[in-house]
Full PDB file with SEQRES, HELIX, SHEET, SSBOND, CRYST1, ORIGX, SCALE, CONECT and MASTER records, all heavy atoms in Angstrom:
SEQRES   1 A   37  ALA ILE GLY LEU LYS ASP TYR GLN LEU LYS ALA ILE THR          
SEQRES   2 A   37  ALA GLY GLU ASP ALA LEU GLY GLU ALA THR VAL TRP ILE          
SEQRES   3 A   37  GLU TYR ASN GLY SER VAL PHE ASN GLY ARG GLY                  
SHEET    1 AA1 3 GLY A   3  ALA A  11  0                                        
SHEET    2 AA1 3 GLY A  20  TYR A  28 -1                                        
SHEET    3 AA1 3 SER A  31  ARG A  36 -1                                        
CRYST1    1.000    1.000    1.000  90.00  90.00  90.00 P 1           1          
ORIGX1      1.000000  0.000000  0.000000        0.00000                         
ORIGX2      0.000000  1.000000  0.000000        0.00000                         
ORIGX3      0.000000  0.000000  1.000000        0.00000                         
SCALE1      1.000000  0.000000  0.000000        0.00000                         
SCALE2      0.000000  1.000000  0.000000        0.00000                         
SCALE3      0.000000  0.000000  1.000000        0.00000                         
ATOM      1  N   ALA A   1     -86.238  68.109  32.122  1.00  0.00           N  
ATOM      2  CA  ALA A   1     -85.211  68.714  31.265  1.00  0.00           C  
ATOM      3  C   ALA A   1     -84.359  67.651  30.591  1.00  0.00           C  
ATOM      4  O   ALA A   1     -83.984  66.657  31.204  1.00  0.00           O  
ATOM      5  CB  ALA A   1     -84.332  69.637  32.103  1.00  0.00           C  
ATOM      6  N   ILE A   2     -84.079  67.873  29.338  1.00  0.00           N  
ATOM      7  CA  ILE A   2     -83.266  66.933  28.551  1.00  0.00           C  
ATOM      8  C   ILE A   2     -82.076  67.719  28.001  1.00  0.00           C  
ATOM      9  O   ILE A   2     -82.266  68.749  27.357  1.00  0.00           O  
ATOM     10  CB  ILE A   2     -84.077  66.324  27.391  1.00  0.00           C  
ATOM     11  CG1 ILE A   2     -85.281  65.546  27.941  1.00  0.00           C  
ATOM     12  CG2 ILE A   2     -83.199  65.407  26.548  1.00  0.00           C  
ATOM     13  CD1 ILE A   2     -86.344  65.282  26.922  1.00  0.00           C  
ATOM     14  N   GLY A   3     -80.881  67.238  28.266  1.00  0.00           N  
ATOM     15  CA  GLY A   3     -79.675  67.947  27.821  1.00  0.00           C  
ATOM     16  C   GLY A   3     -79.228  67.498  26.454  1.00  0.00           C  
ATOM     17  O   GLY A   3     -78.499  66.497  26.328  1.00  0.00           O  
ATOM     18  N   LEU A   4     -79.676  68.195  25.410  1.00  0.00           N  
ATOM     19  CA  LEU A   4     -79.258  67.851  24.050  1.00  0.00           C  
ATOM     20  C   LEU A   4     -77.777  68.165  23.868  1.00  0.00           C  
ATOM     21  O   LEU A   4     -77.348  69.288  24.081  1.00  0.00           O  
ATOM     22  CB  LEU A   4     -80.084  68.639  23.035  1.00  0.00           C  
ATOM     23  CG  LEU A   4     -79.739  68.406  21.557  1.00  0.00           C  
ATOM     24  CD1 LEU A   4     -80.003  66.965  21.156  1.00  0.00           C  
ATOM     25  CD2 LEU A   4     -80.525  69.363  20.666  1.00  0.00           C  
ATOM     26  N   LYS A   5     -77.018  67.153  23.483  1.00  0.00           N  
ATOM     27  CA  LYS A   5     -75.571  67.334  23.307  1.00  0.00           C  
ATOM     28  C   LYS A   5     -75.199  67.492  21.839  1.00  0.00           C  
ATOM     29  O   LYS A   5     -74.384  68.327  21.488  1.00  0.00           O  
ATOM     30  CB  LYS A   5     -74.828  66.130  23.912  1.00  0.00           C  
ATOM     31  CG  LYS A   5     -73.311  66.206  23.794  1.00  0.00           C  
ATOM     32  CD  LYS A   5     -72.655  65.016  24.468  1.00  0.00           C  
ATOM     33  CE  LYS A   5     -71.149  65.014  24.250  1.00  0.00           C  
ATOM     34  NZ  LYS A   5     -70.508  66.162  24.911  1.00  0.00           N  
ATOM     35  N   ASP A   6     -75.822  66.679  20.980  1.00  0.00           N  
ATOM     36  CA  ASP A   6     -75.479  66.738  19.560  1.00  0.00           C  
ATOM     37  C   ASP A   6     -76.620  66.158  18.738  1.00  0.00           C  
ATOM     38  O   ASP A   6     -77.438  65.385  19.238  1.00  0.00           O  
ATOM     39  CB  ASP A   6     -74.191  65.961  19.288  1.00  0.00           C  
ATOM     40  CG  ASP A   6     -73.471  66.421  18.020  1.00  0.00           C  
ATOM     41  OD1 ASP A   6     -74.007  67.310  17.324  1.00  0.00           O  
ATOM     42  OD2 ASP A   6     -72.384  65.903  17.732  1.00  0.00           O  
ATOM     43  N   TYR A   7     -76.656  66.547  17.480  1.00  0.00           N  
ATOM     44  CA  TYR A   7     -77.717  66.105  16.570  1.00  0.00           C  
ATOM     45  C   TYR A   7     -77.114  65.983  15.181  1.00  0.00           C  
ATOM     46  O   TYR A   7     -76.317  66.816  14.751  1.00  0.00           O  
ATOM     47  CB  TYR A   7     -78.860  67.134  16.577  1.00  0.00           C  
ATOM     48  CG  TYR A   7     -79.827  67.016  15.427  1.00  0.00           C  
ATOM     49  CD1 TYR A   7     -80.748  65.967  15.364  1.00  0.00           C  
ATOM     50  CD2 TYR A   7     -79.835  67.964  14.408  1.00  0.00           C  
ATOM     51  CE1 TYR A   7     -81.652  65.883  14.311  1.00  0.00           C  
ATOM     52  CE2 TYR A   7     -80.734  67.884  13.344  1.00  0.00           C  
ATOM     53  CZ  TYR A   7     -81.647  66.834  13.307  1.00  0.00           C  
ATOM     54  OH  TYR A   7     -82.534  66.736  12.269  1.00  0.00           O  
ATOM     55  N   GLN A   8     -77.512  64.923  14.478  1.00  0.00           N  
ATOM     56  CA  GLN A   8     -76.942  64.676  13.160  1.00  0.00           C  
ATOM     57  C   GLN A   8     -78.015  64.115  12.250  1.00  0.00           C  
ATOM     58  O   GLN A   8     -78.822  63.281  12.662  1.00  0.00           O  
ATOM     59  CB  GLN A   8     -75.795  63.673  13.315  1.00  0.00           C  
ATOM     60  CG  GLN A   8     -75.084  63.304  12.035  1.00  0.00           C  
ATOM     61  CD  GLN A   8     -73.919  62.381  12.328  1.00  0.00           C  
ATOM     62  OE1 GLN A   8     -72.873  62.803  12.776  1.00  0.00           O  
ATOM     63  NE2 GLN A   8     -74.112  61.105  12.100  1.00  0.00           N  
ATOM     64  N   LEU A   9     -78.037  64.551  11.008  1.00  0.00           N  
ATOM     65  CA  LEU A   9     -79.021  64.086  10.041  1.00  0.00           C  
ATOM     66  C   LEU A   9     -78.312  63.751   8.743  1.00  0.00           C  
ATOM     67  O   LEU A   9     -77.471  64.528   8.275  1.00  0.00           O  
ATOM     68  CB  LEU A   9     -80.081  65.171   9.806  1.00  0.00           C  
ATOM     69  CG  LEU A   9     -81.222  64.842   8.839  1.00  0.00           C  
ATOM     70  CD1 LEU A   9     -82.097  63.730   9.411  1.00  0.00           C  
ATOM     71  CD2 LEU A   9     -82.057  66.086   8.564  1.00  0.00           C  
ATOM     72  N   LYS A  10     -78.652  62.597   8.169  1.00  0.00           N  
ATOM     73  CA  LYS A  10     -78.045  62.233   6.893  1.00  0.00           C  
ATOM     74  C   LYS A  10     -79.045  61.442   6.058  1.00  0.00           C  
ATOM     75  O   LYS A  10     -80.032  60.898   6.582  1.00  0.00           O  
ATOM     76  CB  LYS A  10     -76.776  61.402   7.107  1.00  0.00           C  
ATOM     77  CG  LYS A  10     -77.041  60.004   7.649  1.00  0.00           C  
ATOM     78  CD  LYS A  10     -75.763  59.173   7.658  1.00  0.00           C  
ATOM     79  CE  LYS A  10     -76.058  57.730   8.094  1.00  0.00           C  
ATOM     80  NZ  LYS A  10     -74.852  56.889   8.076  1.00  0.00           N  
ATOM     81  N   ALA A  11     -78.795  61.397   4.764  1.00  0.00           N  
ATOM     82  CA  ALA A  11     -79.607  60.589   3.857  1.00  0.00           C  
ATOM     83  C   ALA A  11     -78.960  59.223   3.686  1.00  0.00           C  
ATOM     84  O   ALA A  11     -77.738  59.124   3.523  1.00  0.00           O  
ATOM     85  CB  ALA A  11     -79.742  61.289   2.511  1.00  0.00           C  
ATOM     86  N   ILE A  12     -79.773  58.165   3.735  1.00  0.00           N  
ATOM     87  CA  ILE A  12     -79.242  56.814   3.540  1.00  0.00           C  
ATOM     88  C   ILE A  12     -78.761  56.626   2.107  1.00  0.00           C  
ATOM     89  O   ILE A  12     -77.732  56.020   1.843  1.00  0.00           O  
ATOM     90  CB  ILE A  12     -80.307  55.753   3.891  1.00  0.00           C  
ATOM     91  CG1 ILE A  12     -80.702  55.854   5.368  1.00  0.00           C  
ATOM     92  CG2 ILE A  12     -79.817  54.348   3.561  1.00  0.00           C  
ATOM     93  CD1 ILE A  12     -79.584  55.531   6.336  1.00  0.00           C  
ATOM     94  N   THR A  13     -79.551  57.148   1.150  1.00  0.00           N  
ATOM     95  CA  THR A  13     -79.169  57.081  -0.258  1.00  0.00           C  
ATOM     96  C   THR A  13     -79.399  58.453  -0.888  1.00  0.00           C  
ATOM     97  O   THR A  13     -79.836  59.378  -0.220  1.00  0.00           O  
ATOM     98  CB  THR A  13     -80.005  56.017  -1.004  1.00  0.00           C  
ATOM     99  OG1 THR A  13     -81.396  56.289  -0.785  1.00  0.00           O  
ATOM    100  CG2 THR A  13     -79.670  54.624  -0.513  1.00  0.00           C  
ATOM    101  N   ALA A  14     -79.136  58.569  -2.172  1.00  0.00           N  
ATOM    102  CA  ALA A  14     -79.309  59.841  -2.871  1.00  0.00           C  
ATOM    103  C   ALA A  14     -80.759  60.013  -3.324  1.00  0.00           C  
ATOM    104  O   ALA A  14     -81.540  59.070  -3.328  1.00  0.00           O  
ATOM    105  CB  ALA A  14     -78.365  59.899  -4.065  1.00  0.00           C  
ATOM    106  N   GLY A  15     -81.106  61.232  -3.708  1.00  0.00           N  
ATOM    107  CA  GLY A  15     -82.428  61.498  -4.256  1.00  0.00           C  
ATOM    108  C   GLY A  15     -83.302  62.283  -3.314  1.00  0.00           C  
ATOM    109  O   GLY A  15     -83.137  62.248  -2.094  1.00  0.00           O  
ATOM    110  N   GLU A  16     -84.306  62.979  -3.902  1.00  0.00           N  
ATOM    111  CA  GLU A  16     -85.187  63.816  -3.095  1.00  0.00           C  
ATOM    112  C   GLU A  16     -86.098  63.013  -2.188  1.00  0.00           C  
ATOM    113  O   GLU A  16     -86.613  63.530  -1.202  1.00  0.00           O  
ATOM    114  CB  GLU A  16     -86.026  64.714  -4.010  1.00  0.00           C  
ATOM    115  CG  GLU A  16     -86.918  63.937  -4.959  1.00  0.00           C  
ATOM    116  CD  GLU A  16     -87.685  64.837  -5.910  1.00  0.00           C  
ATOM    117  OE1 GLU A  16     -87.278  66.011  -6.072  1.00  0.00           O  
ATOM    118  OE2 GLU A  16     -88.671  64.379  -6.496  1.00  0.00           O  
ATOM    119  N   ASP A  17     -86.296  61.731  -2.502  1.00  0.00           N  
ATOM    120  CA  ASP A  17     -87.145  60.879  -1.661  1.00  0.00           C  
ATOM    121  C   ASP A  17     -86.329  59.955  -0.771  1.00  0.00           C  
ATOM    122  O   ASP A  17     -86.800  58.920  -0.315  1.00  0.00           O  
ATOM    123  CB  ASP A  17     -88.104  60.054  -2.528  1.00  0.00           C  
ATOM    124  CG  ASP A  17     -87.358  59.138  -3.510  1.00  0.00           C  
ATOM    125  OD1 ASP A  17     -86.122  59.253  -3.600  1.00  0.00           O  
ATOM    126  OD2 ASP A  17     -88.020  58.335  -4.186  1.00  0.00           O  
ATOM    127  N   ALA A  18     -85.079  60.328  -0.516  1.00  0.00           N  
ATOM    128  CA  ALA A  18     -84.175  59.468   0.254  1.00  0.00           C  
ATOM    129  C   ALA A  18     -84.685  59.230   1.667  1.00  0.00           C  
ATOM    130  O   ALA A  18     -85.355  60.074   2.268  1.00  0.00           O  
ATOM    131  CB  ALA A  18     -82.786  60.091   0.319  1.00  0.00           C  
ATOM    132  N   LEU A  19     -84.369  58.071   2.186  1.00  0.00           N  
ATOM    133  CA  LEU A  19     -84.662  57.737   3.578  1.00  0.00           C  
ATOM    134  C   LEU A  19     -83.698  58.505   4.465  1.00  0.00           C  
ATOM    135  O   LEU A  19     -82.494  58.471   4.263  1.00  0.00           O  
ATOM    136  CB  LEU A  19     -84.484  56.228   3.789  1.00  0.00           C  
ATOM    137  CG  LEU A  19     -84.941  55.605   5.098  1.00  0.00           C  
ATOM    138  CD1 LEU A  19     -86.448  55.793   5.297  1.00  0.00           C  
ATOM    139  CD2 LEU A  19     -84.590  54.122   5.121  1.00  0.00           C  
ATOM    140  N   GLY A  20     -84.237  59.242   5.419  1.00  0.00           N  
ATOM    141  CA  GLY A  20     -83.402  60.038   6.304  1.00  0.00           C  
ATOM    142  C   GLY A  20     -83.117  59.316   7.604  1.00  0.00           C  
ATOM    143  O   GLY A  20     -83.992  58.653   8.161  1.00  0.00           O  
ATOM    144  N   GLU A  21     -81.892  59.451   8.080  1.00  0.00           N  
ATOM    145  CA  GLU A  21     -81.494  58.857   9.362  1.00  0.00           C  
ATOM    146  C   GLU A  21     -81.023  59.976  10.281  1.00  0.00           C  
ATOM    147  O   GLU A  21     -80.083  60.702   9.965  1.00  0.00           O  
ATOM    148  CB  GLU A  21     -80.371  57.846   9.157  1.00  0.00           C  
ATOM    149  CG  GLU A  21     -79.909  57.194  10.445  1.00  0.00           C  
ATOM    150  CD  GLU A  21     -78.724  56.272  10.232  1.00  0.00           C  
ATOM    151  OE1 GLU A  21     -77.630  56.771   9.901  1.00  0.00           O  
ATOM    152  OE2 GLU A  21     -78.904  55.055  10.389  1.00  0.00           O  
ATOM    153  N   ALA A  22     -81.682  60.109  11.409  1.00  0.00           N  
ATOM    154  CA  ALA A  22     -81.306  61.106  12.409  1.00  0.00           C  
ATOM    155  C   ALA A  22     -80.665  60.415  13.598  1.00  0.00           C  
ATOM    156  O   ALA A  22     -81.093  59.331  13.997  1.00  0.00           O  
ATOM    157  CB  ALA A  22     -82.526  61.899  12.864  1.00  0.00           C  
ATOM    158  N   THR A  23     -79.639  61.033  14.156  1.00  0.00           N  
ATOM    159  CA  THR A  23     -79.001  60.526  15.371  1.00  0.00           C  
ATOM    160  C   THR A  23     -78.920  61.683  16.370  1.00  0.00           C  
ATOM    161  O   THR A  23     -78.534  62.800  16.005  1.00  0.00           O  
ATOM    162  CB  THR A  23     -77.586  60.000  15.083  1.00  0.00           C  
ATOM    163  OG1 THR A  23     -77.649  59.042  14.019  1.00  0.00           O  
ATOM    164  CG2 THR A  23     -77.010  59.312  16.322  1.00  0.00           C  
ATOM    165  N   VAL A  24     -79.301  61.390  17.602  1.00  0.00           N  
ATOM    166  CA  VAL A  24     -79.324  62.399  18.658  1.00  0.00           C  
ATOM    167  C   VAL A  24     -78.504  61.894  19.835  1.00  0.00           C  
ATOM    168  O   VAL A  24     -78.563  60.707  20.179  1.00  0.00           O  
ATOM    169  CB  VAL A  24     -80.779  62.683  19.116  1.00  0.00           C  
ATOM    170  CG1 VAL A  24     -80.800  63.503  20.389  1.00  0.00           C  
ATOM    171  CG2 VAL A  24     -81.535  63.415  18.017  1.00  0.00           C  
ATOM    172  N   TRP A  25     -77.738  62.785  20.445  1.00  0.00           N  
ATOM    173  CA  TRP A  25     -77.028  62.471  21.675  1.00  0.00           C  
ATOM    174  C   TRP A  25     -77.539  63.393  22.784  1.00  0.00           C  
ATOM    175  O   TRP A  25     -77.608  64.609  22.584  1.00  0.00           O  
ATOM    176  CB  TRP A  25     -75.527  62.677  21.512  1.00  0.00           C  
ATOM    177  CG  TRP A  25     -74.850  61.694  20.611  1.00  0.00           C  
ATOM    178  CD1 TRP A  25     -74.172  60.565  20.966  1.00  0.00           C  
ATOM    179  CD2 TRP A  25     -74.744  61.767  19.181  1.00  0.00           C  
ATOM    180  NE1 TRP A  25     -73.673  59.927  19.859  1.00  0.00           N  
ATOM    181  CE2 TRP A  25     -74.008  60.647  18.741  1.00  0.00           C  
ATOM    182  CE3 TRP A  25     -75.215  62.675  18.218  1.00  0.00           C  
ATOM    183  CZ2 TRP A  25     -73.724  60.403  17.406  1.00  0.00           C  
ATOM    184  CZ3 TRP A  25     -74.950  62.443  16.878  1.00  0.00           C  
ATOM    185  CH2 TRP A  25     -74.204  61.308  16.495  1.00  0.00           C  
ATOM    186  N   ILE A  26     -77.915  62.814  23.926  1.00  0.00           N  
ATOM    187  CA  ILE A  26     -78.300  63.621  25.075  1.00  0.00           C  
ATOM    188  C   ILE A  26     -77.389  63.277  26.247  1.00  0.00           C  
ATOM    189  O   ILE A  26     -76.828  62.174  26.309  1.00  0.00           O  
ATOM    190  CB  ILE A  26     -79.783  63.417  25.471  1.00  0.00           C  
ATOM    191  CG1 ILE A  26     -80.041  61.955  25.901  1.00  0.00           C  
ATOM    192  CG2 ILE A  26     -80.712  63.821  24.340  1.00  0.00           C  
ATOM    193  CD1 ILE A  26     -81.441  61.732  26.442  1.00  0.00           C  
ATOM    194  N   GLU A  27     -77.232  64.227  27.160  1.00  0.00           N  
ATOM    195  CA  GLU A  27     -76.291  64.041  28.278  1.00  0.00           C  
ATOM    196  C   GLU A  27     -77.036  64.159  29.596  1.00  0.00           C  
ATOM    197  O   GLU A  27     -77.906  65.011  29.769  1.00  0.00           O  
ATOM    198  CB  GLU A  27     -75.193  65.099  28.198  1.00  0.00           C  
ATOM    199  CG  GLU A  27     -74.011  64.839  29.126  1.00  0.00           C  
ATOM    200  CD  GLU A  27     -72.820  65.724  28.793  1.00  0.00           C  
ATOM    201  OE1 GLU A  27     -73.009  66.718  28.070  1.00  0.00           O  
ATOM    202  OE2 GLU A  27     -71.712  65.407  29.258  1.00  0.00           O  
ATOM    203  N   TYR A  28     -76.677  63.263  30.531  1.00  0.00           N  
ATOM    204  CA  TYR A  28     -77.296  63.305  31.862  1.00  0.00           C  
ATOM    205  C   TYR A  28     -76.278  62.817  32.884  1.00  0.00           C  
ATOM    206  O   TYR A  28     -75.765  61.697  32.792  1.00  0.00           O  
ATOM    207  CB  TYR A  28     -78.540  62.416  31.902  1.00  0.00           C  
ATOM    208  CG  TYR A  28     -79.206  62.339  33.262  1.00  0.00           C  
ATOM    209  CD1 TYR A  28     -79.879  63.433  33.794  1.00  0.00           C  
ATOM    210  CD2 TYR A  28     -79.132  61.167  34.014  1.00  0.00           C  
ATOM    211  CE1 TYR A  28     -80.475  63.362  35.033  1.00  0.00           C  
ATOM    212  CE2 TYR A  28     -79.730  61.089  35.265  1.00  0.00           C  
ATOM    213  CZ  TYR A  28     -80.406  62.192  35.767  1.00  0.00           C  
ATOM    214  OH  TYR A  28     -81.001  62.116  37.007  1.00  0.00           O  
ATOM    215  N   ASN A  29     -75.954  63.663  33.855  1.00  0.00           N  
ATOM    216  CA  ASN A  29     -75.009  63.306  34.921  1.00  0.00           C  
ATOM    217  C   ASN A  29     -73.687  62.759  34.388  1.00  0.00           C  
ATOM    218  O   ASN A  29     -73.138  61.782  34.921  1.00  0.00           O  
ATOM    219  CB  ASN A  29     -75.636  62.293  35.885  1.00  0.00           C  
ATOM    220  CG  ASN A  29     -76.557  62.955  36.890  1.00  0.00           C  
ATOM    221  OD1 ASN A  29     -76.633  64.185  36.971  1.00  0.00           O  
ATOM    222  ND2 ASN A  29     -77.272  62.159  37.662  1.00  0.00           N  
ATOM    223  N   GLY A  30     -73.189  63.361  33.330  1.00  0.00           N  
ATOM    224  CA  GLY A  30     -71.904  62.949  32.778  1.00  0.00           C  
ATOM    225  C   GLY A  30     -71.970  61.797  31.802  1.00  0.00           C  
ATOM    226  O   GLY A  30     -70.975  61.487  31.144  1.00  0.00           O  
ATOM    227  N   SER A  31     -73.128  61.128  31.704  1.00  0.00           N  
ATOM    228  CA  SER A  31     -73.289  60.012  30.756  1.00  0.00           C  
ATOM    229  C   SER A  31     -73.977  60.505  29.494  1.00  0.00           C  
ATOM    230  O   SER A  31     -74.814  61.410  29.541  1.00  0.00           O  
ATOM    231  CB  SER A  31     -74.113  58.887  31.382  1.00  0.00           C  
ATOM    232  OG  SER A  31     -73.448  58.336  32.498  1.00  0.00           O  
ATOM    233  N   VAL A  32     -73.621  59.916  28.360  1.00  0.00           N  
ATOM    234  CA  VAL A  32     -74.194  60.301  27.071  1.00  0.00           C  
ATOM    235  C   VAL A  32     -74.994  59.127  26.517  1.00  0.00           C  
ATOM    236  O   VAL A  32     -74.552  57.982  26.555  1.00  0.00           O  
ATOM    237  CB  VAL A  32     -73.096  60.709  26.078  1.00  0.00           C  
ATOM    238  CG1 VAL A  32     -73.695  61.034  24.715  1.00  0.00           C  
ATOM    239  CG2 VAL A  32     -72.318  61.912  26.610  1.00  0.00           C  
ATOM    240  N   PHE A  33     -76.189  59.424  26.006  1.00  0.00           N  
ATOM    241  CA  PHE A  33     -77.054  58.407  25.434  1.00  0.00           C  
ATOM    242  C   PHE A  33     -77.436  58.835  24.017  1.00  0.00           C  
ATOM    243  O   PHE A  33     -77.760  59.996  23.774  1.00  0.00           O  
ATOM    244  CB  PHE A  33     -78.321  58.233  26.278  1.00  0.00           C  
ATOM    245  CG  PHE A  33     -78.029  57.923  27.715  1.00  0.00           C  
ATOM    246  CD1 PHE A  33     -77.938  58.935  28.660  1.00  0.00           C  
ATOM    247  CD2 PHE A  33     -77.799  56.615  28.124  1.00  0.00           C  
ATOM    248  CE1 PHE A  33     -77.642  58.653  29.985  1.00  0.00           C  
ATOM    249  CE2 PHE A  33     -77.497  56.322  29.442  1.00  0.00           C  
ATOM    250  CZ  PHE A  33     -77.427  57.339  30.384  1.00  0.00           C  
ATOM    251  N   ASN A  34     -77.341  57.889  23.078  1.00  0.00           N  
ATOM    252  CA  ASN A  34     -77.666  58.223  21.698  1.00  0.00           C  
ATOM    253  C   ASN A  34     -78.937  57.494  21.247  1.00  0.00           C  
ATOM    254  O   ASN A  34     -79.248  56.404  21.720  1.00  0.00           O  
ATOM    255  CB  ASN A  34     -76.509  57.883  20.756  1.00  0.00           C  
ATOM    256  CG  ASN A  34     -76.290  56.395  20.592  1.00  0.00           C  
ATOM    257  OD1 ASN A  34     -75.822  55.729  21.508  1.00  0.00           O  
ATOM    258  ND2 ASN A  34     -76.620  55.866  19.436  1.00  0.00           N  
ATOM    259  N   GLY A  35     -79.681  58.140  20.362  1.00  0.00           N  
ATOM    260  CA  GLY A  35     -80.871  57.541  19.791  1.00  0.00           C  
ATOM    261  C   GLY A  35     -80.865  57.706  18.283  1.00  0.00           C  
ATOM    262  O   GLY A  35     -80.230  58.626  17.744  1.00  0.00           O  
ATOM    263  N   ARG A  36     -81.573  56.831  17.602  1.00  0.00           N  
ATOM    264  CA  ARG A  36     -81.578  56.830  16.137  1.00  0.00           C  
ATOM    265  C   ARG A  36     -83.005  56.771  15.651  1.00  0.00           C  
ATOM    266  O   ARG A  36     -83.848  56.076  16.216  1.00  0.00           O  
ATOM    267  CB  ARG A  36     -80.787  55.611  15.645  1.00  0.00           C  
ATOM    268  CG  ARG A  36     -80.732  55.420  14.146  1.00  0.00           C  
ATOM    269  CD  ARG A  36     -79.839  54.221  13.845  1.00  0.00           C  
ATOM    270  NE  ARG A  36     -79.763  53.922  12.427  1.00  0.00           N  
ATOM    271  CZ  ARG A  36     -80.569  53.081  11.797  1.00  0.00           C  
ATOM    272  NH1 ARG A  36     -81.519  52.446  12.476  1.00  0.00           N  
ATOM    273  NH2 ARG A  36     -80.445  52.865  10.503  1.00  0.00           N  
ATOM    274  N   GLY A  37     -83.310  57.513  14.590  1.00  0.00           N  
ATOM    275  CA  GLY A  37     -84.639  57.497  13.987  1.00  0.00           C  
ATOM    276  C   GLY A  37     -84.537  57.428  12.487  1.00  0.00           C  
ATOM    277  O   GLY A  37     -83.600  57.972  11.885  1.00  0.00           O  
TER     278      GLY A  37                                                      
MASTER        0    0    0    0    3    0    0    6  277    1    0    3          
END                                                                             
């Protein structure tokens, strides 16, 4: 089991072909860990 805490998605630049950056936060035993894609 993975405790998803938050999720965020944004475009690095403008345009329909923009590079997307996703950030995820998961929670485990009171600690929060973030990842980026």
